[in-house]
PDB file of all heavy atoms in Angstrom:
ATOM      1  N   ALA A   1       8.141  11.121   7.676  1.00  0.00           N
ATOM      2  CA  ALA A   1       7.733   9.837   8.232  1.00  0.00           C
ATOM      3  C   ALA A   1       8.637   8.722   7.702  1.00  0.00           C
ATOM      4  O   ALA A   1       9.091   8.753   6.555  1.00  0.00           O
ATOM      5  CB  ALA A   1       6.281   9.544   7.866  1.00  0.00           C
ATOM      6  N   TRP A   2       8.895   7.752   8.574  1.00  0.00           N
ATOM      7  CA  TRP A   2       9.703   6.592   8.196  1.00  0.00           C
ATOM      8  C   TRP A   2       9.048   5.872   7.021  1.00  0.00           C
ATOM      9  O   TRP A   2       7.826   5.808   6.901  1.00  0.00           O
ATOM     10  CB  TRP A   2       9.822   5.637   9.385  1.00  0.00           C
ATOM     11  CG  TRP A   2      10.626   4.416   9.094  1.00  0.00           C
ATOM     12  CD1 TRP A   2      11.987   4.281   9.194  1.00  0.00           C
ATOM     13  CD2 TRP A   2      10.138   3.139   8.664  1.00  0.00           C
ATOM     14  NE1 TRP A   2      12.356   3.009   8.849  1.00  0.00           N
ATOM     15  CE2 TRP A   2      11.235   2.290   8.515  1.00  0.00           C
ATOM     16  CE3 TRP A   2       8.873   2.659   8.378  1.00  0.00           C
ATOM     17  CZ2 TRP A   2      11.125   0.968   8.112  1.00  0.00           C
ATOM     18  CZ3 TRP A   2       8.749   1.343   7.970  1.00  0.00           C
ATOM     19  CH2 TRP A   2       9.862   0.510   7.842  1.00  0.00           C
ATOM     20  N   THR A   3       9.867   5.330   6.158  1.00  0.00           N
ATOM     21  CA  THR A   3       9.398   4.552   5.027  1.00  0.00           C
ATOM     22  C   THR A   3      10.275   3.314   4.878  1.00  0.00           C
ATOM     23  O   THR A   3      11.451   3.322   5.266  1.00  0.00           O
ATOM     24  CB  THR A   3       9.433   5.385   3.723  1.00  0.00           C
ATOM     25  OG1 THR A   3       9.179   4.528   2.610  1.00  0.00           O
ATOM     26  CG2 THR A   3      10.767   6.058   3.510  1.00  0.00           C
ATOM     27  N   THR A   4       9.704   2.259   4.331  1.00  0.00           N
ATOM     28  CA  THR A   4      10.483   1.034   4.123  1.00  0.00           C
ATOM     29  C   THR A   4      11.623   1.255   3.130  1.00  0.00           C
ATOM     30  O   THR A   4      12.546   0.447   3.077  1.00  0.00           O
ATOM     31  CB  THR A   4       9.584  -0.122   3.644  1.00  0.00           C
ATOM     32  OG1 THR A   4       8.833   0.299   2.505  1.00  0.00           O
ATOM     33  CG2 THR A   4       8.641  -0.566   4.748  1.00  0.00           C
ATOM     34  N   ALA A   5      11.592   2.341   2.376  1.00  0.00           N
ATOM     35  CA  ALA A   5      12.699   2.660   1.473  1.00  0.00           C
ATOM     36  C   ALA A   5      13.982   2.927   2.257  1.00  0.00           C
ATOM     37  O   ALA A   5      15.079   2.801   1.704  1.00  0.00           O
ATOM     38  CB  ALA A   5      12.341   3.866   0.599  1.00  0.00           C
ATOM     39  N   TRP A   6      13.859   3.289   3.527  1.00  0.00           N
ATOM     40  CA  TRP A   6      15.043   3.547   4.358  1.00  0.00           C
ATOM     41  C   TRP A   6      15.696   2.267   4.851  1.00  0.00           C
ATOM     42  O   TRP A   6      16.796   2.282   5.376  1.00  0.00           O
ATOM     43  CB  TRP A   6      14.676   4.418   5.546  1.00  0.00           C
ATOM     44  CG  TRP A   6      14.233   5.801   5.200  1.00  0.00           C
ATOM     45  CD1 TRP A   6      14.215   6.388   3.960  1.00  0.00           C
ATOM     46  CD2 TRP A   6      13.726   6.776   6.096  1.00  0.00           C
ATOM     47  NE1 TRP A   6      13.734   7.658   4.057  1.00  0.00           N
ATOM     48  CE2 TRP A   6      13.418   7.937   5.356  1.00  0.00           C
ATOM     49  CE3 TRP A   6      13.488   6.784   7.465  1.00  0.00           C
ATOM     50  CZ2 TRP A   6      12.911   9.092   5.941  1.00  0.00           C
ATOM     51  CZ3 TRP A   6      12.975   7.930   8.038  1.00  0.00           C
ATOM     52  CH2 TRP A   6      12.695   9.073   7.280  1.00  0.00           C
ATOM     53  N   MET A   7      15.033   1.137   4.714  1.00  0.00           N
ATOM     54  CA  MET A   7      15.587  -0.132   5.168  1.00  0.00           C
ATOM     55  C   MET A   7      16.726  -0.550   4.224  1.00  0.00           C
ATOM     56  O   MET A   7      16.594  -0.448   3.009  1.00  0.00           O
ATOM     57  CB  MET A   7      14.490  -1.203   5.182  1.00  0.00           C
ATOM     58  CG  MET A   7      14.921  -2.490   5.843  1.00  0.00           C
ATOM     59  SD  MET A   7      13.596  -3.717   5.857  1.00  0.00           S
ATOM     60  CE  MET A   7      12.478  -2.971   7.024  1.00  0.00           C
ATOM     61  N   SER A   8      17.817  -1.007   4.798  1.00  0.00           N
ATOM     62  CA  SER A   8      18.972  -1.403   3.989  1.00  0.00           C
ATOM     63  C   SER A   8      18.711  -2.740   3.280  1.00  0.00           C
ATOM     64  O   SER A   8      17.869  -3.539   3.708  1.00  0.00           O
ATOM     65  CB  SER A   8      20.216  -1.534   4.866  1.00  0.00           C
ATOM     66  OG  SER A   8      20.117  -2.663   5.717  1.00  0.00           O
ATOM     67  N   ASP A   9      19.452  -2.962   2.201  1.00  0.00           N
ATOM     68  CA  ASP A   9      19.365  -4.251   1.506  1.00  0.00           C
ATOM     69  C   ASP A   9      19.785  -5.387   2.434  1.00  0.00           C
ATOM     70  O   ASP A   9      19.199  -6.463   2.415  1.00  0.00           O
ATOM     71  CB  ASP A   9      20.228  -4.242   0.242  1.00  0.00           C
ATOM     72  CG  ASP A   9      19.655  -3.368  -0.854  1.00  0.00           C
ATOM     73  OD1 ASP A   9      18.424  -3.138  -0.868  1.00  0.00           O
ATOM     74  OD2 ASP A   9      20.435  -2.898  -1.704  1.00  0.00           O
ATOM     75  N   GLU A  10      20.792  -5.116   3.269  1.00  0.00           N
ATOM     76  CA  GLU A  10      21.231  -6.122   4.244  1.00  0.00           C
ATOM     77  C   GLU A  10      20.111  -6.419   5.238  1.00  0.00           C
ATOM     78  O   GLU A  10      19.883  -7.569   5.601  1.00  0.00           O
ATOM     79  CB  GLU A  10      22.483  -5.633   4.983  1.00  0.00           C
ATOM     80  CG  GLU A  10      22.989  -6.590   6.038  1.00  0.00           C
ATOM     81  CD  GLU A  10      23.508  -7.904   5.501  1.00  0.00           C
ATOM     82  OE1 GLU A  10      23.755  -8.022   4.275  1.00  0.00           O
ATOM     83  OE2 GLU A  10      23.650  -8.849   6.298  1.00  0.00           O
ATOM     84  N   GLY A  11      19.393  -5.398   5.655  1.00  0.00           N
ATOM     85  CA  GLY A  11      18.259  -5.594   6.550  1.00  0.00           C
ATOM     86  C   GLY A  11      17.178  -6.445   5.916  1.00  0.00           C
ATOM     87  O   GLY A  11      16.593  -7.316   6.559  1.00  0.00           O
ATOM     88  N   ARG A  12      16.916  -6.231   4.633  1.00  0.00           N
ATOM     89  CA  ARG A  12      15.926  -7.037   3.911  1.00  0.00           C
ATOM     90  C   ARG A  12      16.364  -8.502   3.848  1.00  0.00           C
ATOM     91  O   ARG A  12      15.566  -9.411   4.036  1.00  0.00           O
ATOM     92  CB  ARG A  12      15.718  -6.482   2.506  1.00  0.00           C
ATOM     93  CG  ARG A  12      15.049  -5.140   2.496  1.00  0.00           C
ATOM     94  CD  ARG A  12      15.138  -4.495   1.095  1.00  0.00           C
ATOM     95  NE  ARG A  12      14.890  -3.080   1.189  1.00  0.00           N
ATOM     96  CZ  ARG A  12      13.680  -2.525   1.205  1.00  0.00           C
ATOM     97  NH1 ARG A  12      12.614  -3.280   1.103  1.00  0.00           N
ATOM     98  NH2 ARG A  12      13.542  -1.224   1.314  1.00  0.00           N
ATOM     99  N   ARG A  13      17.660  -8.725   3.601  1.00  0.00           N
ATOM    100  CA  ARG A  13      18.180 -10.101   3.573  1.00  0.00           C
ATOM    101  C   ARG A  13      18.049 -10.757   4.949  1.00  0.00           C
ATOM    102  O   ARG A  13      17.686 -11.924   5.061  1.00  0.00           O
ATOM    103  CB  ARG A  13      19.634 -10.110   3.104  1.00  0.00           C
ATOM    104  CG  ARG A  13      19.795  -9.952   1.606  1.00  0.00           C
ATOM    105  CD  ARG A  13      21.229 -10.212   1.145  1.00  0.00           C
ATOM    106  NE  ARG A  13      22.153  -9.165   1.582  1.00  0.00           N
ATOM    107  CZ  ARG A  13      22.316  -7.997   0.961  1.00  0.00           C
ATOM    108  NH1 ARG A  13      21.629  -7.722  -0.125  1.00  0.00           N
ATOM    109  NH2 ARG A  13      23.174  -7.112   1.406  1.00  0.00           N
ATOM    110  N   LYS A  14      18.373 -10.001   6.003  1.00  0.00           N
ATOM    111  CA  LYS A  14      18.287 -10.538   7.359  1.00  0.00           C
ATOM    112  C   LYS A  14      16.840 -10.909   7.710  1.00  0.00           C
ATOM    113  O   LYS A  14      16.604 -11.939   8.337  1.00  0.00           O
ATOM    114  CB  LYS A  14      18.805  -9.519   8.374  1.00  0.00           C
ATOM    115  CG  LYS A  14      20.306  -9.327   8.349  1.00  0.00           C
ATOM    116  CD  LYS A  14      20.705  -8.235   9.341  1.00  0.00           C
ATOM    117  CE  LYS A  14      22.170  -7.953   9.348  1.00  0.00           C
ATOM    118  NZ  LYS A  14      22.509  -6.844  10.278  1.00  0.00           N
ATOM    119  N   LEU A  15      15.876 -10.064   7.308  1.00  0.00           N
ATOM    120  CA  LEU A  15      14.472 -10.382   7.568  1.00  0.00           C
ATOM    121  C   LEU A  15      14.081 -11.694   6.917  1.00  0.00           C
ATOM    122  O   LEU A  15      13.458 -12.552   7.545  1.00  0.00           O
ATOM    123  CB  LEU A  15      13.563  -9.271   7.037  1.00  0.00           C
ATOM    124  CG  LEU A  15      13.371  -8.040   7.898  1.00  0.00           C
ATOM    125  CD1 LEU A  15      12.514  -7.018   7.163  1.00  0.00           C
ATOM    126  CD2 LEU A  15      12.757  -8.388   9.237  1.00  0.00           C
ATOM    127  N   ALA A  16      14.412 -11.852   5.637  1.00  0.00           N
ATOM    128  CA  ALA A  16      14.052 -13.073   4.908  1.00  0.00           C
ATOM    129  C   ALA A  16      14.685 -14.307   5.556  1.00  0.00           C
ATOM    130  O   ALA A  16      14.026 -15.338   5.718  1.00  0.00           O
ATOM    131  CB  ALA A  16      14.457 -12.959   3.446  1.00  0.00           C
ATOM    132  N   ALA A  17      15.955 -14.196   5.947  1.00  0.00           N
ATOM    133  CA  ALA A  17      16.637 -15.328   6.579  1.00  0.00           C
ATOM    134  C   ALA A  17      16.017 -15.660   7.935  1.00  0.00           C
ATOM    135  O   ALA A  17      16.030 -16.817   8.361  1.00  0.00           O
ATOM    136  CB  ALA A  17      18.123 -15.017   6.743  1.00  0.00           C
ATOM    137  N   TYR A  18      15.437 -14.670   8.589  1.00  0.00           N
ATOM    138  CA  TYR A  18      14.809 -14.843   9.901  1.00  0.00           C
ATOM    139  C   TYR A  18      13.384 -15.392   9.780  1.00  0.00           C
ATOM    140  O   TYR A  18      12.772 -15.776  10.761  1.00  0.00           O
ATOM    141  CB  TYR A  18      14.807 -13.479  10.605  1.00  0.00           C
ATOM    142  CG  TYR A  18      14.424 -13.483  12.054  1.00  0.00           C
ATOM    143  CD1 TYR A  18      15.167 -14.167  13.023  1.00  0.00           C
ATOM    144  CD2 TYR A  18      13.326 -12.752  12.493  1.00  0.00           C
ATOM    145  CE1 TYR A  18      14.817 -14.121  14.367  1.00  0.00           C
ATOM    146  CE2 TYR A  18      12.970 -12.701  13.835  1.00  0.00           C
ATOM    147  CZ  TYR A  18      13.718 -13.395  14.758  1.00  0.00           C
ATOM    148  OH  TYR A  18      13.377 -13.345  16.093  1.00  0.00           O
ATOM    149  N   GLY A  19      12.842 -15.404   8.562  1.00  0.00           N
ATOM    150  CA  GLY A  19      11.494 -15.932   8.350  1.00  0.00           C
ATOM    151  C   GLY A  19      10.411 -14.871   8.261  1.00  0.00           C
ATOM    152  O   GLY A  19       9.235 -15.187   8.318  1.00  0.00           O
ATOM    153  N   ILE A  20      10.816 -13.600   8.102  1.00  0.00           N
ATOM    154  CA  ILE A  20       9.867 -12.500   7.915  1.00  0.00           C
ATOM    155  C   ILE A  20       9.996 -12.016   6.479  1.00  0.00           C
ATOM    156  O   ILE A  20      11.091 -11.693   6.034  1.00  0.00           O
ATOM    157  CB  ILE A  20      10.138 -11.341   8.886  1.00  0.00           C
ATOM    158  CG1 ILE A  20       9.981 -11.809  10.336  1.00  0.00           C
ATOM    159  CG2 ILE A  20       9.214 -10.157   8.589  1.00  0.00           C
ATOM    160  CD1 ILE A  20      10.374 -10.760  11.366  1.00  0.00           C
ATOM    161  N   ALA A  21       8.889 -11.996   5.739  1.00  0.00           N
ATOM    162  CA  ALA A  21       8.924 -11.514   4.363  1.00  0.00           C
ATOM    163  C   ALA A  21       9.246 -10.017   4.381  1.00  0.00           C
ATOM    164  O   ALA A  21       8.545  -9.242   5.026  1.00  0.00           O
ATOM    165  CB  ALA A  21       7.594 -11.767   3.668  1.00  0.00           C
ATOM    166  N   PRO A  22      10.331  -9.611   3.703  1.00  0.00           N
ATOM    167  CA  PRO A  22      10.698  -8.195   3.713  1.00  0.00           C
ATOM    168  C   PRO A  22       9.789  -7.370   2.808  1.00  0.00           C
ATOM    169  O   PRO A  22       9.140  -7.908   1.914  1.00  0.00           O
ATOM    170  CB  PRO A  22      12.134  -8.205   3.177  1.00  0.00           C
ATOM    171  CG  PRO A  22      12.197  -9.411   2.310  1.00  0.00           C
ATOM    172  CD  PRO A  22      11.274 -10.424   2.942  1.00  0.00           C
ATOM    173  N   PRO A  23       9.759  -6.048   3.035  1.00  0.00           N
ATOM    174  CA  PRO A  23       8.996  -5.185   2.129  1.00  0.00           C
ATOM    175  C   PRO A  23       9.677  -5.148   0.769  1.00  0.00           C
ATOM    176  O   PRO A  23      10.875  -5.431   0.651  1.00  0.00           O
ATOM    177  CB  PRO A  23       9.043  -3.822   2.817  1.00  0.00           C
ATOM    178  CG  PRO A  23      10.287  -3.856   3.642  1.00  0.00           C
ATOM    179  CD  PRO A  23      10.445  -5.284   4.071  1.00  0.00           C
ATOM    180  N   GLN A  24       8.915  -4.797  -0.247  1.00  0.00           N
ATOM    181  CA  GLN A  24       9.462  -4.689  -1.590  1.00  0.00           C
ATOM    182  C   GLN A  24      10.383  -3.482  -1.675  1.00  0.00           C
ATOM    183  O   GLN A  24      10.184  -2.480  -1.011  1.00  0.00           O
ATOM    184  CB  GLN A  24       8.335  -4.535  -2.618  1.00  0.00           C
ATOM    185  CG  GLN A  24       7.375  -5.694  -2.650  1.00  0.00           C
ATOM    186  CD  GLN A  24       8.046  -6.976  -3.098  1.00  0.00           C
ATOM    187  OE1 GLN A  24       8.774  -7.004  -4.082  1.00  0.00           O
ATOM    188  NE2 GLN A  24       7.820  -8.039  -2.361  1.00  0.00           N
ATOM    189  N   ARG A  25      11.408  -3.582  -2.517  1.00  0.00           N
ATOM    190  CA  ARG A  25      12.306  -2.449  -2.753  1.00  0.00           C
ATOM    191  C   ARG A  25      11.600  -1.531  -3.731  1.00  0.00           C
ATOM    192  O   ARG A  25      11.143  -1.973  -4.772  1.00  0.00           O
ATOM    193  CB  ARG A  25      13.638  -2.956  -3.320  1.00  0.00           C
ATOM    194  CG  ARG A  25      14.570  -1.917  -3.861  1.00  0.00           C
ATOM    195  CD  ARG A  25      15.045  -0.874  -2.902  1.00  0.00           C
ATOM    196  NE  ARG A  25      16.043  -1.318  -1.973  1.00  0.00           N
ATOM    197  CZ  ARG A  25      16.412  -0.556  -0.950  1.00  0.00           C
ATOM    198  NH1 ARG A  25      15.880   0.614  -0.762  1.00  0.00           N
ATOM    199  NH2 ARG A  25      17.305  -0.979  -0.116  1.00  0.00           N
ATOM    200  N   ARG A  26      11.467  -0.244  -3.384  1.00  0.00           N
ATOM    201  CA  ARG A  26      10.793   0.711  -4.251  1.00  0.00           C
ATOM    202  C   ARG A  26      11.779   1.737  -4.765  1.00  0.00           C
ATOM    203  O   ARG A  26      12.653   2.186  -4.040  1.00  0.00           O
ATOM    204  CB  ARG A  26       9.720   1.501  -3.499  1.00  0.00           C
ATOM    205  CG  ARG A  26       8.604   0.719  -2.993  1.00  0.00           C
ATOM    206  CD  ARG A  26       7.452   1.574  -2.539  1.00  0.00           C
ATOM    207  NE  ARG A  26       7.779   2.788  -1.836  1.00  0.00           N
ATOM    208  CZ  ARG A  26       7.085   3.269  -0.827  1.00  0.00           C
ATOM    209  NH1 ARG A  26       6.033   2.623  -0.407  1.00  0.00           N
ATOM    210  NH2 ARG A  26       7.411   4.379  -0.238  1.00  0.00           N
ATOM    211  N   ALA A  27      11.574   2.130  -5.991  1.00  0.00           N
ATOM    212  CA  ALA A  27      12.312   3.249  -6.544  1.00  0.00           C
ATOM    213  C   ALA A  27      11.465   4.499  -6.345  1.00  0.00           C
ATOM    214  O   ALA A  27      10.280   4.416  -6.045  1.00  0.00           O
ATOM    215  CB  ALA A  27      12.576   3.016  -8.028  1.00  0.00           C
ATOM    216  N   ASP A  28      12.072   5.661  -6.497  1.00  0.00           N
ATOM    217  CA  ASP A  28      11.287   6.887  -6.454  1.00  0.00           C
ATOM    218  C   ASP A  28      10.332   6.877  -7.629  1.00  0.00           C
ATOM    219  O   ASP A  28      10.616   6.333  -8.684  1.00  0.00           O
ATOM    220  CB  ASP A  28      12.201   8.107  -6.530  1.00  0.00           C
ATOM    221  CG  ASP A  28      13.010   8.293  -5.265  1.00  0.00           C
ATOM    222  OD1 ASP A  28      12.564   7.836  -4.201  1.00  0.00           O
ATOM    223  OD2 ASP A  28      14.092   8.904  -5.343  1.00  0.00           O
ATOM    224  N   GLY A  29       9.192   7.467  -7.464  1.00  0.00           N
ATOM    225  CA  GLY A  29       8.199   7.515  -8.539  1.00  0.00           C
ATOM    226  C   GLY A  29       6.923   6.845  -8.105  1.00  0.00           C
ATOM    227  O   GLY A  29       6.600   6.807  -6.920  1.00  0.00           O
ATOM    228  N   PRO A  30       6.187   6.291  -9.057  1.00  0.00           N
ATOM    229  CA  PRO A  30       4.892   5.675  -8.729  1.00  0.00           C
ATOM    230  C   PRO A  30       5.050   4.524  -7.745  1.00  0.00           C
ATOM    231  O   PRO A  30       6.042   3.803  -7.765  1.00  0.00           O
ATOM    232  CB  PRO A  30       4.369   5.156 -10.072  1.00  0.00           C
ATOM    233  CG  PRO A  30       5.228   5.775 -11.114  1.00  0.00           C
ATOM    234  CD  PRO A  30       6.507   6.192 -10.469  1.00  0.00           C
ATOM    235  N   VAL A  31       4.073   4.376  -6.876  1.00  0.00           N
ATOM    236  CA  VAL A  31       4.060   3.269  -5.924  1.00  0.00           C
ATOM    237  C   VAL A  31       3.530   2.043  -6.659  1.00  0.00           C
ATOM    238  O   VAL A  31       2.431   2.062  -7.209  1.00  0.00           O
ATOM    239  CB  VAL A  31       3.165   3.593  -4.707  1.00  0.00           C
ATOM    240  CG1 VAL A  31       3.068   2.393  -3.784  1.00  0.00           C
ATOM    241  CG2 VAL A  31       3.707   4.805  -3.976  1.00  0.00           C
ATOM    242  N   LEU A  32       4.325   0.991  -6.674  1.00  0.00           N
ATOM    243  CA  LEU A  32       3.926  -0.234  -7.351  1.00  0.00           C
ATOM    244  C   LEU A  32       3.090  -1.090  -6.418  1.00  0.00           C
ATOM    245  O   LEU A  32       3.369  -1.180  -5.223  1.00  0.00           O
ATOM    246  CB  LEU A  32       5.160  -1.008  -7.808  1.00  0.00           C
ATOM    247  CG  LEU A  32       6.093  -0.241  -8.753  1.00  0.00           C
ATOM    248  CD1 LEU A  32       7.322  -1.087  -9.057  1.00  0.00           C
ATOM    249  CD2 LEU A  32       5.378   0.149 -10.029  1.00  0.00           C
TER     250      LEU A  32
END
């Protein structure tokens, strides 16, 4: 299944600049 971890850092920057709060960047391991 798709996960927000697949979203690029550039995509996260573009979302924020567009006015959409991007998902948090997650590392492997526990879900924060």
